[in-house]
């Protein structure tokens, strides 16, 4: 795929990192999802950066919400984790009149040219405000910008 003379497909690496389903006041609601860790050394090239694309879809009662709170962590050894991007609200979806299905995308970009950033992972906490009726799904992919082939 070419854009302005650049091979975007050839310059990026993508990995699916997490998915989850939740029911208001039930399974998965307000429960942190921790993605699989990604060992940067196992990618085909050392990436300069990563963008986590996070999708939320909620079947929501009128004025009810789906809120996604997330953070990005890094590790030098794959065991001890430190915040790279602090926890913050990434996306809020609100049900319309009579109840609606809402869909949204959040994005977190991170510079990986830093000491000790050998592994990364995403942590996401989806929270439904209604009780028992609303449902939601979340998913994320990591898209790495390739720096070099060495």
N, C-alpha and C. Protein backbone atom coordinates (compact mmCIF):
# COMPACT_ATOMS: atom_id res chain seq x y z
N UNK A 1 0.85 -1.16 0.00
CA UNK A 1 0.00 0.00 0.00
C UNK A 1 0.90 1.23 0.00
N UNK A 2 0.65 2.12 -0.95
CA UNK A 2 1.45 3.33 -1.08
C UNK A 2 0.66 4.56 -0.65
N UNK A 3 1.30 5.46 0.06
CA UNK A 3 0.70 6.74 0.42
C UNK A 3 1.78 7.79 0.33
N UNK A 4 1.60 8.76 -0.54
CA UNK A 4 2.60 9.81 -0.77
C UNK A 4 3.98 9.21 -1.05
N UNK A 5 3.99 8.12 -1.84
CA UNK A 5 5.25 7.50 -2.21
C UNK A 5 5.87 6.61 -1.15
N UNK A 6 5.19 6.42 -0.01
CA UNK A 6 5.73 5.58 1.07
C UNK A 6 5.00 4.24 1.10
N UNK A 7 5.72 3.18 1.36
CA UNK A 7 5.15 1.84 1.48
C UNK A 7 4.70 1.65 2.92
N UNK A 8 3.45 2.02 3.23
CA UNK A 8 2.96 1.94 4.61
C UNK A 8 2.89 0.51 5.12
N UNK A 9 2.44 -0.41 4.30
CA UNK A 9 2.35 -1.81 4.74
C UNK A 9 3.74 -2.36 5.03
N UNK A 10 4.72 -2.02 4.22
CA UNK A 10 6.07 -2.50 4.42
C UNK A 10 6.79 -1.85 5.59
N UNK A 11 6.30 -0.68 6.04
CA UNK A 11 6.95 0.04 7.14
C UNK A 11 6.27 -0.19 8.48
N UNK A 12 5.22 -0.99 8.52
CA UNK A 12 4.52 -1.23 9.78
C UNK A 12 4.41 -2.72 10.06
N UNK A 13 4.28 -3.02 11.34
CA UNK A 13 4.08 -4.39 11.82
C UNK A 13 2.88 -4.33 12.75
N UNK A 14 1.90 -5.23 12.59
CA UNK A 14 0.70 -5.21 13.43
C UNK A 14 0.58 -6.50 14.24
N UNK A 15 0.07 -6.37 15.45
CA UNK A 15 -0.19 -7.51 16.32
C UNK A 15 -1.52 -7.30 17.05
N UNK A 16 -2.39 -8.31 17.04
CA UNK A 16 -3.59 -8.27 17.87
C UNK A 16 -3.13 -8.46 19.31
N UNK A 17 -3.65 -7.65 20.24
CA UNK A 17 -3.14 -7.73 21.60
C UNK A 17 -4.18 -8.07 22.66
N UNK A 18 -5.44 -7.68 22.47
CA UNK A 18 -6.44 -8.05 23.48
C UNK A 18 -7.83 -7.97 22.92
N UNK A 19 -8.74 -8.69 23.56
CA UNK A 19 -10.17 -8.65 23.22
C UNK A 19 -10.94 -9.06 24.46
N UNK A 20 -12.14 -8.55 24.59
CA UNK A 20 -12.97 -8.93 25.73
C UNK A 20 -14.42 -8.57 25.51
N UNK A 21 -15.30 -9.31 26.18
CA UNK A 21 -16.74 -9.04 26.18
C UNK A 21 -17.16 -8.84 27.61
N UNK A 22 -18.14 -7.95 27.83
CA UNK A 22 -18.58 -7.71 29.18
C UNK A 22 -20.08 -7.45 29.22
N UNK A 23 -20.64 -7.71 30.40
CA UNK A 23 -22.05 -7.48 30.68
C UNK A 23 -22.11 -6.56 31.88
N UNK A 24 -22.98 -5.55 31.82
CA UNK A 24 -23.11 -4.59 32.92
C UNK A 24 -23.34 -5.31 34.24
N UNK A 25 -22.59 -4.91 35.26
CA UNK A 25 -22.65 -5.48 36.61
C UNK A 25 -22.40 -6.99 36.61
N UNK A 26 -21.73 -7.49 35.58
CA UNK A 26 -21.47 -8.93 35.49
C UNK A 26 -20.09 -9.21 34.95
N UNK A 27 -20.00 -10.29 34.21
CA UNK A 27 -18.74 -10.78 33.68
C UNK A 27 -17.98 -9.71 32.91
N UNK A 28 -16.76 -9.44 33.32
CA UNK A 28 -15.87 -8.52 32.63
C UNK A 28 -16.08 -7.05 32.92
N UNK A 29 -17.20 -6.69 33.54
CA UNK A 29 -17.46 -5.27 33.78
C UNK A 29 -16.53 -4.73 34.85
N UNK A 30 -15.91 -3.60 34.55
CA UNK A 30 -14.98 -2.93 35.46
C UNK A 30 -13.85 -3.86 35.92
N UNK A 31 -13.41 -4.71 34.99
CA UNK A 31 -12.34 -5.67 35.26
C UNK A 31 -11.20 -5.42 34.28
N UNK A 32 -10.01 -5.24 34.81
CA UNK A 32 -8.85 -4.95 33.98
C UNK A 32 -8.51 -6.13 33.08
N UNK A 33 -8.24 -5.82 31.81
CA UNK A 33 -7.78 -6.79 30.83
C UNK A 33 -6.32 -6.46 30.55
N UNK A 34 -5.43 -7.43 30.70
CA UNK A 34 -4.01 -7.22 30.44
C UNK A 34 -3.66 -7.96 29.16
N UNK A 35 -3.15 -7.23 28.19
CA UNK A 35 -2.79 -7.85 26.92
C UNK A 35 -1.59 -8.77 27.09
N UNK A 36 -1.40 -9.60 26.11
CA UNK A 36 -0.16 -10.37 26.05
C UNK A 36 0.99 -9.39 25.90
N UNK A 37 2.11 -9.70 26.53
CA UNK A 37 3.27 -8.81 26.37
C UNK A 37 3.89 -9.07 25.00
N UNK A 38 4.47 -8.02 24.46
CA UNK A 38 5.12 -8.12 23.15
C UNK A 38 6.61 -7.89 23.35
N UNK A 39 7.39 -8.89 22.98
CA UNK A 39 8.85 -8.80 23.04
C UNK A 39 9.31 -8.11 21.76
N UNK A 40 9.75 -6.88 21.88
CA UNK A 40 10.12 -6.08 20.72
C UNK A 40 11.24 -6.75 19.92
N UNK A 41 12.11 -7.49 20.58
CA UNK A 41 13.22 -8.15 19.89
C UNK A 41 12.76 -9.24 18.92
N UNK A 42 11.56 -9.76 19.10
CA UNK A 42 11.07 -10.83 18.22
C UNK A 42 10.39 -10.30 16.96
N UNK A 43 10.23 -8.98 16.86
CA UNK A 43 9.65 -8.40 15.66
C UNK A 43 10.68 -8.42 14.54
N UNK A 44 10.23 -8.27 13.32
CA UNK A 44 11.16 -8.36 12.18
C UNK A 44 12.13 -7.20 12.10
N UNK A 45 11.84 -6.12 12.80
CA UNK A 45 12.75 -4.97 12.86
C UNK A 45 12.48 -4.23 14.16
N UNK A 46 13.47 -3.48 14.63
CA UNK A 46 13.30 -2.68 15.84
C UNK A 46 12.37 -1.50 15.54
N UNK A 47 11.19 -1.43 16.19
CA UNK A 47 10.27 -0.33 15.92
C UNK A 47 10.68 0.95 16.65
N UNK A 48 10.37 2.08 16.03
CA UNK A 48 10.61 3.38 16.65
C UNK A 48 9.45 3.77 17.55
N UNK A 49 8.25 3.28 17.20
CA UNK A 49 7.07 3.65 17.96
C UNK A 49 5.99 2.60 17.79
N UNK A 50 4.97 2.71 18.63
CA UNK A 50 3.80 1.84 18.53
C UNK A 50 2.56 2.69 18.77
N UNK A 51 1.49 2.34 18.08
CA UNK A 51 0.18 2.94 18.32
C UNK A 51 -0.76 1.79 18.64
N UNK A 52 -1.42 1.88 19.78
CA UNK A 52 -2.46 0.93 20.13
C UNK A 52 -3.79 1.51 19.65
N UNK A 53 -4.46 0.80 18.76
CA UNK A 53 -5.79 1.17 18.27
C UNK A 53 -6.79 0.34 19.08
N UNK A 54 -7.64 1.02 19.83
CA UNK A 54 -8.55 0.36 20.77
C UNK A 54 -9.98 0.63 20.32
N UNK A 55 -10.74 -0.43 20.08
CA UNK A 55 -12.12 -0.31 19.62
C UNK A 55 -13.06 -0.73 20.74
N UNK A 56 -14.09 0.09 20.96
CA UNK A 56 -15.14 -0.24 21.91
C UNK A 56 -16.48 -0.21 21.22
N UNK A 57 -17.32 -1.19 21.53
CA UNK A 57 -18.69 -1.25 20.99
C UNK A 57 -19.61 -1.56 22.15
N UNK A 58 -20.62 -0.72 22.37
CA UNK A 58 -21.53 -0.94 23.48
C UNK A 58 -22.98 -0.88 23.04
N UNK A 59 -23.78 -1.81 23.54
CA UNK A 59 -25.23 -1.75 23.40
C UNK A 59 -25.70 -1.13 24.71
N UNK A 60 -26.10 0.16 24.64
CA UNK A 60 -26.27 0.98 25.83
C UNK A 60 -27.68 1.54 25.96
N UNK A 61 -28.19 1.52 27.17
CA UNK A 61 -29.46 2.19 27.46
C UNK A 61 -29.27 3.70 27.31
N UNK A 62 -30.37 4.43 27.18
CA UNK A 62 -30.29 5.89 27.04
C UNK A 62 -29.49 6.48 28.20
N UNK A 63 -28.53 7.30 27.89
CA UNK A 63 -27.62 8.01 28.81
C UNK A 63 -26.64 7.11 29.55
N UNK A 64 -26.73 5.79 29.38
CA UNK A 64 -25.76 4.89 30.00
C UNK A 64 -24.45 4.99 29.23
N UNK A 65 -23.34 4.63 29.88
CA UNK A 65 -22.03 4.79 29.25
C UNK A 65 -21.19 3.52 29.27
N UNK A 66 -20.28 3.48 28.32
CA UNK A 66 -19.16 2.55 28.33
C UNK A 66 -17.91 3.43 28.39
N UNK A 67 -17.13 3.28 29.44
CA UNK A 67 -15.91 4.05 29.61
C UNK A 67 -14.73 3.09 29.55
N UNK A 68 -13.72 3.44 28.72
CA UNK A 68 -12.51 2.63 28.63
C UNK A 68 -11.36 3.42 29.24
N UNK A 69 -10.75 2.84 30.26
CA UNK A 69 -9.58 3.42 30.92
C UNK A 69 -8.40 2.51 30.59
N UNK A 70 -7.28 3.09 30.16
CA UNK A 70 -6.16 2.27 29.77
C UNK A 70 -4.82 2.88 30.10
N UNK A 71 -3.80 2.03 30.00
CA UNK A 71 -2.42 2.45 30.21
C UNK A 71 -1.51 1.53 29.42
N UNK A 72 -0.30 2.02 29.14
CA UNK A 72 0.71 1.22 28.46
C UNK A 72 1.87 1.04 29.45
N UNK A 73 2.34 -0.20 29.55
CA UNK A 73 3.47 -0.50 30.43
C UNK A 73 4.63 -1.05 29.60
N UNK A 74 5.85 -0.88 30.15
CA UNK A 74 7.02 -1.47 29.53
C UNK A 74 7.81 -2.26 30.57
N UNK A 75 8.69 -3.11 30.05
CA UNK A 75 9.54 -3.92 30.92
C UNK A 75 10.88 -4.15 30.22
N UNK A 76 11.92 -4.20 31.00
CA UNK A 76 13.24 -4.55 30.46
C UNK A 76 13.39 -6.06 30.34
N UNK A 77 12.72 -6.81 31.26
CA UNK A 77 12.93 -8.25 31.33
C UNK A 77 11.66 -9.09 31.13
N UNK A 78 10.51 -8.46 30.92
CA UNK A 78 9.26 -9.19 30.74
C UNK A 78 8.61 -9.61 32.04
N UNK A 79 9.18 -9.19 33.17
CA UNK A 79 8.65 -9.56 34.48
C UNK A 79 8.24 -8.35 35.31
N UNK A 80 9.12 -7.37 35.40
CA UNK A 80 8.85 -6.16 36.18
C UNK A 80 8.34 -5.07 35.24
N UNK A 81 7.13 -4.57 35.51
CA UNK A 81 6.46 -3.63 34.61
C UNK A 81 6.38 -2.23 35.22
N UNK A 82 6.53 -1.21 34.34
CA UNK A 82 6.51 0.19 34.74
C UNK A 82 5.61 0.94 33.75
N UNK A 83 4.88 1.95 34.24
CA UNK A 83 4.03 2.75 33.35
C UNK A 83 4.88 3.48 32.32
N UNK A 84 4.48 3.36 31.07
CA UNK A 84 5.05 4.15 29.99
C UNK A 84 4.07 5.28 29.64
N UNK A 85 2.78 4.95 29.68
CA UNK A 85 1.70 5.92 29.56
C UNK A 85 0.77 5.66 30.75
N UNK A 86 0.62 6.65 31.61
CA UNK A 86 -0.18 6.49 32.84
C UNK A 86 -1.64 6.23 32.51
N UNK A 87 -2.32 5.61 33.46
CA UNK A 87 -3.73 5.29 33.32
C UNK A 87 -4.56 6.55 33.09
N UNK A 88 -5.45 6.48 32.10
CA UNK A 88 -6.31 7.62 31.76
C UNK A 88 -7.56 7.12 31.05
N UNK A 89 -8.59 7.93 31.07
CA UNK A 89 -9.80 7.62 30.30
C UNK A 89 -9.49 7.83 28.83
N UNK A 90 -9.70 6.78 28.03
CA UNK A 90 -9.37 6.82 26.61
C UNK A 90 -10.59 7.05 25.73
N UNK A 91 -11.75 6.56 26.19
CA UNK A 91 -12.94 6.62 25.36
C UNK A 91 -14.18 6.56 26.25
N UNK A 92 -15.17 7.38 25.95
CA UNK A 92 -16.46 7.31 26.62
C UNK A 92 -17.55 7.29 25.56
N UNK A 93 -18.35 6.23 25.56
CA UNK A 93 -19.50 6.10 24.65
C UNK A 93 -20.76 6.25 25.47
N UNK A 94 -21.76 6.97 24.94
CA UNK A 94 -23.01 7.22 25.67
C UNK A 94 -24.20 6.79 24.83
N UNK A 95 -25.11 6.03 25.44
CA UNK A 95 -26.31 5.56 24.76
C UNK A 95 -27.25 6.71 24.44
N UNK A 96 -27.86 6.64 23.26
CA UNK A 96 -28.80 7.66 22.83
C UNK A 96 -30.22 7.35 23.28
N UNK A 97 -31.14 8.20 22.90
CA UNK A 97 -32.55 8.07 23.28
C UNK A 97 -33.11 6.70 22.92
N UNK A 98 -33.72 6.05 23.90
CA UNK A 98 -34.31 4.72 23.69
C UNK A 98 -33.30 3.59 23.70
N UNK A 99 -32.02 3.91 23.85
CA UNK A 99 -30.96 2.90 23.82
C UNK A 99 -30.41 2.76 22.41
N UNK A 100 -29.12 2.68 22.31
CA UNK A 100 -28.45 2.62 21.00
C UNK A 100 -27.21 1.74 21.08
N UNK A 101 -26.72 1.37 19.91
CA UNK A 101 -25.43 0.70 19.80
C UNK A 101 -24.42 1.76 19.41
N UNK A 102 -23.39 1.90 20.21
CA UNK A 102 -22.36 2.92 19.99
C UNK A 102 -21.03 2.24 19.70
N UNK A 103 -20.26 2.86 18.83
CA UNK A 103 -18.96 2.34 18.44
C UNK A 103 -17.95 3.49 18.45
N UNK A 104 -16.77 3.23 18.99
CA UNK A 104 -15.74 4.26 19.03
C UNK A 104 -14.34 3.67 19.01
N UNK A 105 -13.38 4.52 18.69
CA UNK A 105 -11.98 4.11 18.62
C UNK A 105 -11.14 5.09 19.42
N UNK A 106 -10.24 4.55 20.22
CA UNK A 106 -9.26 5.35 20.95
C UNK A 106 -7.88 4.97 20.44
N UNK A 107 -6.93 5.86 20.65
CA UNK A 107 -5.57 5.62 20.15
C UNK A 107 -4.57 6.09 21.20
N UNK A 108 -3.55 5.25 21.46
CA UNK A 108 -2.44 5.64 22.32
C UNK A 108 -1.16 5.41 21.53
N UNK A 109 -0.36 6.45 21.35
CA UNK A 109 0.92 6.34 20.67
C UNK A 109 2.07 6.44 21.65
N UNK A 110 3.11 5.64 21.43
CA UNK A 110 4.23 5.59 22.36
C UNK A 110 5.55 5.52 21.59
N UNK A 111 6.51 6.33 22.02
CA UNK A 111 7.87 6.30 21.50
C UNK A 111 8.60 5.12 22.14
N UNK A 112 9.19 4.26 21.34
CA UNK A 112 9.89 3.08 21.87
C UNK A 112 11.41 3.24 21.88
N UNK A 113 11.92 4.40 21.47
CA UNK A 113 13.36 4.64 21.47
C UNK A 113 13.73 5.17 22.85
N UNK A 114 13.75 4.26 23.81
CA UNK A 114 14.05 4.58 25.20
C UNK A 114 14.78 3.40 25.82
N UNK A 115 15.65 3.66 26.78
CA UNK A 115 16.36 2.59 27.46
C UNK A 115 15.39 1.69 28.22
N UNK A 116 15.61 0.39 28.14
CA UNK A 116 14.85 -0.57 28.92
C UNK A 116 13.50 -0.95 28.35
N UNK A 117 13.12 -0.38 27.22
CA UNK A 117 11.83 -0.73 26.62
C UNK A 117 12.04 -1.93 25.69
N UNK A 118 12.00 -3.12 26.29
CA UNK A 118 12.19 -4.36 25.54
C UNK A 118 10.88 -5.12 25.36
N UNK A 119 9.96 -4.94 26.28
CA UNK A 119 8.63 -5.55 26.22
C UNK A 119 7.61 -4.45 26.46
N UNK A 120 6.45 -4.56 25.82
CA UNK A 120 5.36 -3.63 26.11
C UNK A 120 4.05 -4.40 26.21
N UNK A 121 3.08 -3.77 26.88
CA UNK A 121 1.74 -4.35 26.95
C UNK A 121 0.74 -3.23 27.22
N UNK A 122 -0.52 -3.53 26.92
CA UNK A 122 -1.63 -2.61 27.14
C UNK A 122 -2.50 -3.17 28.25
N UNK A 123 -2.96 -2.30 29.13
CA UNK A 123 -3.92 -2.68 30.16
C UNK A 123 -5.16 -1.82 29.96
N UNK A 124 -6.32 -2.45 29.93
CA UNK A 124 -7.56 -1.76 29.64
C UNK A 124 -8.64 -2.19 30.62
N UNK A 125 -9.37 -1.21 31.15
CA UNK A 125 -10.49 -1.51 32.05
C UNK A 125 -11.76 -0.90 31.46
N UNK A 126 -12.66 -1.75 30.92
CA UNK A 126 -13.93 -1.27 30.41
C UNK A 126 -14.98 -1.26 31.53
N UNK A 127 -15.78 -0.20 31.59
CA UNK A 127 -16.76 -0.07 32.66
C UNK A 127 -18.10 0.39 32.09
N UNK A 128 -19.13 -0.41 32.31
CA UNK A 128 -20.49 -0.07 31.91
C UNK A 128 -21.22 0.55 33.10
N UNK A 129 -21.92 1.67 32.87
CA UNK A 129 -22.58 2.35 33.98
C UNK A 129 -23.93 1.75 34.35
N UNK A 130 -24.59 1.11 33.41
CA UNK A 130 -25.92 0.54 33.70
C UNK A 130 -25.77 -0.80 34.42
N UNK A 131 -26.84 -1.24 35.04
CA UNK A 131 -26.82 -2.53 35.74
C UNK A 131 -27.59 -3.58 34.94
N UNK A 132 -26.93 -4.68 34.67
CA UNK A 132 -27.53 -5.91 34.15
C UNK A 132 -27.97 -5.91 32.69
N UNK A 133 -28.15 -4.79 32.04
CA UNK A 133 -28.72 -4.82 30.70
C UNK A 133 -27.72 -4.55 29.59
N UNK A 134 -26.83 -3.63 29.78
CA UNK A 134 -25.91 -3.24 28.71
C UNK A 134 -24.82 -4.29 28.50
N UNK A 135 -24.34 -4.34 27.27
CA UNK A 135 -23.24 -5.25 26.93
C UNK A 135 -22.21 -4.48 26.11
N UNK A 136 -21.00 -4.99 26.07
CA UNK A 136 -19.95 -4.32 25.31
C UNK A 136 -18.90 -5.32 24.87
N UNK A 137 -18.16 -4.90 23.86
CA UNK A 137 -17.00 -5.64 23.38
C UNK A 137 -15.86 -4.65 23.20
N UNK A 138 -14.65 -5.09 23.48
CA UNK A 138 -13.47 -4.26 23.27
C UNK A 138 -12.40 -5.11 22.58
N UNK A 139 -11.56 -4.45 21.80
CA UNK A 139 -10.45 -5.13 21.14
C UNK A 139 -9.37 -4.10 20.85
N UNK A 140 -8.15 -4.59 20.67
CA UNK A 140 -7.05 -3.68 20.37
C UNK A 140 -6.01 -4.38 19.51
N UNK A 141 -5.37 -3.58 18.68
CA UNK A 141 -4.20 -4.03 17.94
C UNK A 141 -3.06 -3.05 18.20
N UNK A 142 -1.86 -3.55 18.09
CA UNK A 142 -0.66 -2.71 18.19
C UNK A 142 -0.08 -2.59 16.79
N UNK A 143 0.18 -1.36 16.36
CA UNK A 143 0.78 -1.12 15.06
C UNK A 143 2.14 -0.46 15.31
N UNK A 144 3.20 -1.15 14.91
CA UNK A 144 4.56 -0.68 15.13
C UNK A 144 5.09 -0.02 13.87
N UNK A 145 5.76 1.12 14.04
CA UNK A 145 6.47 1.79 12.96
C UNK A 145 7.87 1.22 12.93
N UNK A 146 8.23 0.69 11.80
CA UNK A 146 9.52 0.02 11.67
C UNK A 146 10.65 1.04 11.54
N UNK A 147 11.69 0.87 12.35
CA UNK A 147 12.85 1.79 12.31
C UNK A 147 13.95 1.28 11.38
N UNK A 148 14.31 0.01 11.57
CA UNK A 148 15.42 -0.51 10.76
C UNK A 148 15.28 -2.02 10.63
N UNK A 149 16.02 -2.60 9.73
CA UNK A 149 16.02 -4.04 9.50
C UNK A 149 17.20 -4.72 10.18
N UNK A 150 17.89 -4.01 11.08
CA UNK A 150 19.07 -4.60 11.71
C UNK A 150 18.70 -5.32 12.97
